[in-house]
Amino acid sequence: MKDTNIRFRVNNKEYFKQKGKEYRQSDRGKEKYKIYGKKRHEKKHEIYDVEWKNCKKYFDNQCAYCGLPIEEHYFPYKNELKLYDFHKEHVIDEGKNDLRNCVPSCNTYNTQKHKNSLNNWYNSSNSNYTYERYFKIYQWIRYDHKKYIMPKRRYKNQRMTARIKEIERLKISIDRLLK
């Protein structure tokens, strides 16, 4: 059923493109997109670049769900294949926006998971499910993310280097006190 639906959509791209445009311009569509945009805007990630790089490294620069390396994730854009970075996928959809709730996800699995819970979606009925990957995701959200979390900024727009220097100064001060 799903294959025929996908084939129908692929064979009738212009039809679906036109219907989507009509829907977005309708009153109902405008209202839906306004709500969606508001929710999406509120869902800002509170993750430093360093944390995200470490998270991807923890998952061996692979999608946490399908296991394909980042080098194999291309998408068609203007008749060319473009390489793109992983999405910061929320494991728990309404959960925190920090490192403990994010794993690297390719576009396909980011779209498939949508708002489903990890246990309901990523289980033995999922074609790419492996217990090893599930356990690694579980370990990440439960324990291992703690090794990679950077202290949060004290005030907005504080530069990372300034924050790291501040932390180093505090460590030196504490070491002096302990001597």
C-alpha atoms as a PDB file:
ATOM      1  CA  MET A   1       0.000   0.000   0.000  1.00  0.00           C
ATOM      2  CA  LYS A   2       2.729   2.404   1.037  1.00  0.00           C
ATOM      3  CA  ASP A   3       4.824   1.707  -2.099  1.00  0.00           C
ATOM      4  CA  THR A   4       1.926   2.443  -4.444  1.00  0.00           C
ATOM      5  CA  ASN A   5       1.165   5.639  -2.531  1.00  0.00           C
ATOM      6  CA  ILE A   6       4.788   6.761  -2.835  1.00  0.00           C
ATOM      7  CA  ARG A   7       4.896   5.875  -6.541  1.00  0.00           C
ATOM      8  CA  PHE A   8       1.672   7.810  -7.124  1.00  0.00           C
ATOM      9  CA  ARG A   9       3.130  10.866  -5.370  1.00  0.00           C
ATOM     10  CA  VAL A  10       6.385  10.631  -7.353  1.00  0.00           C
ATOM     11  CA  ASN A  11       4.542  10.252 -10.664  1.00  0.00           C
ATOM     12  CA  ASN A  12       2.219  13.189  -9.890  1.00  0.00           C
ATOM     13  CA  LYS A  13       4.619  15.727  -8.363  1.00  0.00           C
ATOM     14  CA  GLU A  14       3.086  18.713 -10.112  1.00  0.00           C
ATOM     15  CA  TYR A  15      -0.412  17.818  -8.901  1.00  0.00           C
ATOM     16  CA  PHE A  16       0.734  17.573  -5.263  1.00  0.00           C
ATOM     17  CA  LYS A  17       2.835  20.713  -5.604  1.00  0.00           C
ATOM     18  CA  GLN A  18      -0.225  22.640  -6.823  1.00  0.00           C
ATOM     19  CA  LYS A  19      -2.515  21.183  -4.120  1.00  0.00           C
ATOM     20  CA  GLY A  20       0.048  22.067  -1.444  1.00  0.00           C
ATOM     21  CA  LYS A  21       0.289  25.615  -2.735  1.00  0.00           C
ATOM     22  CA  GLU A  22      -3.508  25.960  -2.732  1.00  0.00           C
ATOM     23  CA  TYR A  23      -3.702  24.608   0.816  1.00  0.00           C
ATOM     24  CA  ARG A  24      -0.992  26.977   2.114  1.00  0.00           C
ATOM     25  CA  GLN A  25      -2.870  29.929   0.577  1.00  0.00           C
ATOM     26  CA  SER A  26      -6.242  28.886   2.036  1.00  0.00           C
ATOM     27  CA  ASP A  27      -7.407  30.302   5.384  1.00  0.00           C
ATOM     28  CA  ARG A  28      -7.156  26.905   7.037  1.00  0.00           C
ATOM     29  CA  GLY A  29      -3.653  26.331   5.645  1.00  0.00           C
ATOM     30  CA  LYS A  30      -2.447  29.776   6.724  1.00  0.00           C
ATOM     31  CA  GLU A  31      -3.704  29.162  10.258  1.00  0.00           C
ATOM     32  CA  LYS A  32      -2.077  25.710  10.434  1.00  0.00           C
ATOM     33  CA  TYR A  33       1.264  27.039   9.171  1.00  0.00           C
ATOM     34  CA  LYS A  34       1.112  29.939  11.607  1.00  0.00           C
ATOM     35  CA  ILE A  35       0.663  27.508  14.519  1.00  0.00           C
ATOM     36  CA  TYR A  36       3.349  25.186  13.139  1.00  0.00           C
ATOM     37  CA  GLY A  37       5.780  28.082  12.699  1.00  0.00           C
ATOM     38  CA  LYS A  38       5.134  29.292  16.232  1.00  0.00           C
ATOM     39  CA  LYS A  39       5.754  25.823  17.711  1.00  0.00           C
ATOM     40  CA  ARG A  40       8.866  25.374  15.597  1.00  0.00           C
ATOM     41  CA  HIS A  41      10.186  28.803  16.605  1.00  0.00           C
ATOM     42  CA  GLU A  42       9.744  27.941  20.284  1.00  0.00           C
ATOM     43  CA  LYS A  43      11.686  24.702  19.797  1.00  0.00           C
ATOM     44  CA  LYS A  44      15.172  26.215  19.744  1.00  0.00           C
ATOM     45  CA  HIS A  45      18.055  23.903  20.534  1.00  0.00           C
ATOM     46  CA  GLU A  46      20.259  24.896  23.426  1.00  0.00           C
ATOM     47  CA  ILE A  47      23.264  23.019  22.126  1.00  0.00           C
ATOM     48  CA  TYR A  48      26.729  24.413  21.517  1.00  0.00           C
ATOM     49  CA  ASP A  49      28.502  23.467  18.292  1.00  0.00           C
ATOM     50  CA  VAL A  50      31.131  21.601  20.326  1.00  0.00           C
ATOM     51  CA  GLU A  51      28.422  19.553  22.035  1.00  0.00           C
ATOM     52  CA  TRP A  52      26.780  18.706  18.716  1.00  0.00           C
ATOM     53  CA  LYS A  53      30.117  17.637  17.186  1.00  0.00           C
ATOM     54  CA  ASN A  54      30.767  15.416  20.192  1.00  0.00           C
ATOM     55  CA  CYS A  55      27.272  13.943  19.919  1.00  0.00           C
ATOM     56  CA  LYS A  56      27.846  13.071  16.257  1.00  0.00           C
ATOM     57  CA  LYS A  57      31.243  11.628  17.147  1.00  0.00           C
ATOM     58  CA  TYR A  58      29.611   9.486  19.875  1.00  0.00           C
ATOM     59  CA  PHE A  59      27.339   8.016  17.192  1.00  0.00           C
ATOM     60  CA  ASP A  60      30.365   7.548  14.869  1.00  0.00           C
ATOM     61  CA  ASN A  61      29.094  10.295  12.511  1.00  0.00           C
ATOM     62  CA  GLN A  62      26.178   8.041  11.611  1.00  0.00           C
ATOM     63  CA  CYS A  63      22.432   8.450  11.824  1.00  0.00           C
ATOM     64  CA  ALA A  64      21.423   7.140  15.253  1.00  0.00           C
ATOM     65  CA  TYR A  65      18.464   5.276  13.716  1.00  0.00           C
ATOM     66  CA  CYS A  66      19.632   3.833  10.395  1.00  0.00           C
ATOM     67  CA  GLY A  67      23.390   3.706  10.960  1.00  0.00           C
ATOM     68  CA  LEU A  68      24.396   5.204   7.605  1.00  0.00           C
ATOM     69  CA  PRO A  69      27.407   7.526   7.773  1.00  0.00           C
ATOM     70  CA  ILE A  70      26.961  11.207   7.020  1.00  0.00           C
ATOM     71  CA  GLU A  71      28.879  10.818   3.730  1.00  0.00           C
ATOM     72  CA  GLU A  72      26.044   8.665   2.362  1.00  0.00           C
ATOM     73  CA  HIS A  73      23.215  11.101   3.126  1.00  0.00           C
ATOM     74  CA  TYR A  74      22.445  13.045  -0.019  1.00  0.00           C
ATOM     75  CA  PHE A  75      19.251  14.756  -1.111  1.00  0.00           C
ATOM     76  CA  PRO A  76      18.171  16.030  -4.516  1.00  0.00           C
ATOM     77  CA  TYR A  77      18.291  19.823  -4.831  1.00  0.00           C
ATOM     78  CA  LYS A  78      17.852  21.590  -8.185  1.00  0.00           C
ATOM     79  CA  ASN A  79      18.689  18.425 -10.145  1.00  0.00           C
ATOM     80  CA  GLU A  80      21.865  17.812  -8.116  1.00  0.00           C
ATOM     81  CA  LEU A  81      22.646  15.578  -5.183  1.00  0.00           C
ATOM     82  CA  LYS A  82      23.706  17.629  -2.158  1.00  0.00           C
ATOM     83  CA  LEU A  83      25.300  16.366   1.016  1.00  0.00           C
ATOM     84  CA  TYR A  84      23.626  17.638   4.172  1.00  0.00           C
ATOM     85  CA  ASP A  85      24.259  17.522   7.883  1.00  0.00           C
ATOM     86  CA  PHE A  86      22.184  15.501  10.313  1.00  0.00           C
ATOM     87  CA  HIS A  87      19.140  16.910  12.056  1.00  0.00           C
ATOM     88  CA  LYS A  88      19.161  17.406  15.805  1.00  0.00           C
ATOM     89  CA  GLU A  89      16.329  14.968  16.413  1.00  0.00           C
ATOM     90  CA  HIS A  90      14.403  15.209  19.661  1.00  0.00           C
ATOM     91  CA  VAL A  91      14.152  11.717  21.103  1.00  0.00           C
ATOM     92  CA  ILE A  92      11.264  12.885  23.303  1.00  0.00           C
ATOM     93  CA  ASP A  93       9.284  15.281  21.108  1.00  0.00           C
ATOM     94  CA  GLU A  94       8.019  17.579  23.875  1.00  0.00           C
ATOM     95  CA  GLY A  95      11.191  17.123  25.934  1.00  0.00           C
ATOM     96  CA  LYS A  96      14.088  19.445  26.637  1.00  0.00           C
ATOM     97  CA  ASN A  97      15.929  21.220  23.828  1.00  0.00           C
ATOM     98  CA  ASP A  98      19.373  20.361  25.091  1.00  0.00           C
ATOM     99  CA  LEU A  99      21.938  17.671  24.423  1.00  0.00           C
ATOM    100  CA  ARG A 100      20.303  14.981  26.565  1.00  0.00           C
ATOM    101  CA  ASN A 101      17.305  14.840  24.222  1.00  0.00           C
ATOM    102  CA  CYS A 102      18.993  15.082  20.811  1.00  0.00           C
ATOM    103  CA  VAL A 103      20.577  12.495  18.557  1.00  0.00           C
ATOM    104  CA  PRO A 104      21.872  12.841  14.985  1.00  0.00           C
ATOM    105  CA  SER A 105      19.206  11.800  12.501  1.00  0.00           C
ATOM    106  CA  CYS A 106      19.073  11.715   8.727  1.00  0.00           C
ATOM    107  CA  ASN A 107      16.221  13.472   6.956  1.00  0.00           C
ATOM    108  CA  THR A 108      14.385  10.210   6.253  1.00  0.00           C
ATOM    109  CA  TYR A 109      14.279   9.078   9.883  1.00  0.00           C
ATOM    110  CA  ASN A 110      13.728  12.573  11.218  1.00  0.00           C
ATOM    111  CA  THR A 111      10.590  12.735   9.061  1.00  0.00           C
ATOM    112  CA  GLN A 112       9.481   9.199   9.899  1.00  0.00           C
ATOM    113  CA  LYS A 113       9.800   9.628  13.649  1.00  0.00           C
ATOM    114  CA  HIS A 114       7.892  12.926  13.680  1.00  0.00           C
ATOM    115  CA  LYS A 115       6.123  13.047  17.077  1.00  0.00           C
ATOM    116  CA  ASN A 116       6.223   9.327  17.869  1.00  0.00           C
ATOM    117  CA  SER A 117       7.870   8.159  21.046  1.00  0.00           C
ATOM    118  CA  LEU A 118      11.135   6.267  20.659  1.00  0.00           C
ATOM    119  CA  ASN A 119       9.697   2.991  21.990  1.00  0.00           C
ATOM    120  CA  ASN A 120       6.567   3.109  19.831  1.00  0.00           C
ATOM    121  CA  TRP A 121       8.422   3.970  16.646  1.00  0.00           C
ATOM    122  CA  TYR A 122      11.926   2.467  16.891  1.00  0.00           C
ATOM    123  CA  ASN A 123      11.232  -1.160  17.705  1.00  0.00           C
ATOM    124  CA  SER A 124      11.466  -4.561  16.026  1.00  0.00           C
ATOM    125  CA  SER A 125       8.705  -3.635  13.534  1.00  0.00           C
ATOM    126  CA  ASN A 126      10.919  -0.820  12.164  1.00  0.00           C
ATOM    127  CA  SER A 127      12.902  -2.077   9.144  1.00  0.00           C
ATOM    128  CA  ASN A 128      16.213  -0.531  10.290  1.00  0.00           C
ATOM    129  CA  TYR A 129      15.879  -1.358  13.977  1.00  0.00           C
ATOM    130  CA  THR A 130      18.785  -2.993  15.751  1.00  0.00           C
ATOM    131  CA  TYR A 131      19.023  -3.541  19.459  1.00  0.00           C
ATOM    132  CA  GLU A 132      22.591  -2.181  19.438  1.00  0.00           C
ATOM    133  CA  ARG A 133      21.508   1.190  18.002  1.00  0.00           C
ATOM    134  CA  TYR A 134      18.472   1.350  20.295  1.00  0.00           C
ATOM    135  CA  PHE A 135      20.686   0.639  23.305  1.00  0.00           C
ATOM    136  CA  LYS A 136      23.210   3.268  22.198  1.00  0.00           C
ATOM    137  CA  ILE A 137      20.429   5.881  21.917  1.00  0.00           C
ATOM    138  CA  TYR A 138      19.140   4.844  25.331  1.00  0.00           C
ATOM    139  CA  GLN A 139      22.634   5.070  26.857  1.00  0.00           C
ATOM    140  CA  TRP A 140      23.057   8.527  25.328  1.00  0.00           C
ATOM    141  CA  ILE A 141      19.825  10.016  26.653  1.00  0.00           C
ATOM    142  CA  ARG A 142      20.152   8.324  30.021  1.00  0.00           C
ATOM    143  CA  TYR A 143      23.864   8.596  30.911  1.00  0.00           C
ATOM    144  CA  ASP A 144      26.491   9.341  28.282  1.00  0.00           C
ATOM    145  CA  HIS A 145      25.346  12.838  27.235  1.00  0.00           C
ATOM    146  CA  LYS A 146      26.543  14.090  30.643  1.00  0.00           C
ATOM    147  CA  LYS A 147      30.178  13.631  29.574  1.00  0.00           C
ATOM    148  CA  TYR A 148      29.729  16.163  26.768  1.00  0.00           C
ATOM    149  CA  ILE A 149      27.529  18.915  28.206  1.00  0.00           C
ATOM    150  CA  MET A 150      29.195  22.322  28.370  1.00  0.00           C
ATOM    151  CA  PRO A 151      28.263  24.754  31.147  1.00  0.00           C
ATOM    152  CA  LYS A 152      25.508  27.060  29.923  1.00  0.00           C
ATOM    153  CA  ARG A 153      26.072  30.747  29.290  1.00  0.00           C
ATOM    154  CA  ARG A 154      25.515  33.120  32.140  1.00  0.00           C
ATOM    155  CA  TYR A 155      24.028  35.778  29.863  1.00  0.00           C
ATOM    156  CA  LYS A 156      22.755  35.979  26.301  1.00  0.00           C
ATOM    157  CA  ASN A 157      25.309  36.256  23.464  1.00  0.00           C
ATOM    158  CA  GLN A 158      28.236  35.389  25.727  1.00  0.00           C
ATOM    159  CA  ARG A 159      31.004  33.980  23.585  1.00  0.00           C
ATOM    160  CA  MET A 160      32.005  30.366  24.108  1.00  0.00           C
ATOM    161  CA  THR A 161      35.700  31.177  24.464  1.00  0.00           C
ATOM    162  CA  ALA A 162      34.944  33.732  27.175  1.00  0.00           C
ATOM    163  CA  ARG A 163      32.833  31.150  29.008  1.00  0.00           C
ATOM    164  CA  ILE A 164      35.567  28.513  28.797  1.00  0.00           C
ATOM    165  CA  LYS A 165      38.151  30.986  30.143  1.00  0.00           C
ATOM    166  CA  GLU A 166      35.784  31.859  32.973  1.00  0.00           C
ATOM    167  CA  ILE A 167      35.428  28.173  33.850  1.00  0.00           C
ATOM    168  CA  GLU A 168      39.204  27.681  33.775  1.00  0.00           C
ATOM    169  CA  ARG A 169      39.644  30.661  36.122  1.00  0.00           C
ATOM    170  CA  LEU A 170      37.104  29.167  38.501  1.00  0.00           C
ATOM    171  CA  LYS A 171      38.901  25.809  38.430  1.00  0.00           C
ATOM    172  CA  ILE A 172      42.221  27.523  39.211  1.00  0.00           C
ATOM    173  CA  SER A 173      40.591  29.416  42.079  1.00  0.00           C
ATOM    174  CA  ILE A 174      39.141  26.223  43.497  1.00  0.00           C
ATOM    175  CA  ASP A 175      42.492  24.424  43.154  1.00  0.00           C
ATOM    176  CA  ARG A 176      44.204  27.246  45.085  1.00  0.00           C
ATOM    177  CA  LEU A 177      41.617  27.028  47.826  1.00  0.00           C
ATOM    178  CA  LEU A 178      42.081  23.293  48.144  1.00  0.00           C
ATOM    179  CA  LYS A 179      45.868  23.577  48.511  1.00  0.00           C
END
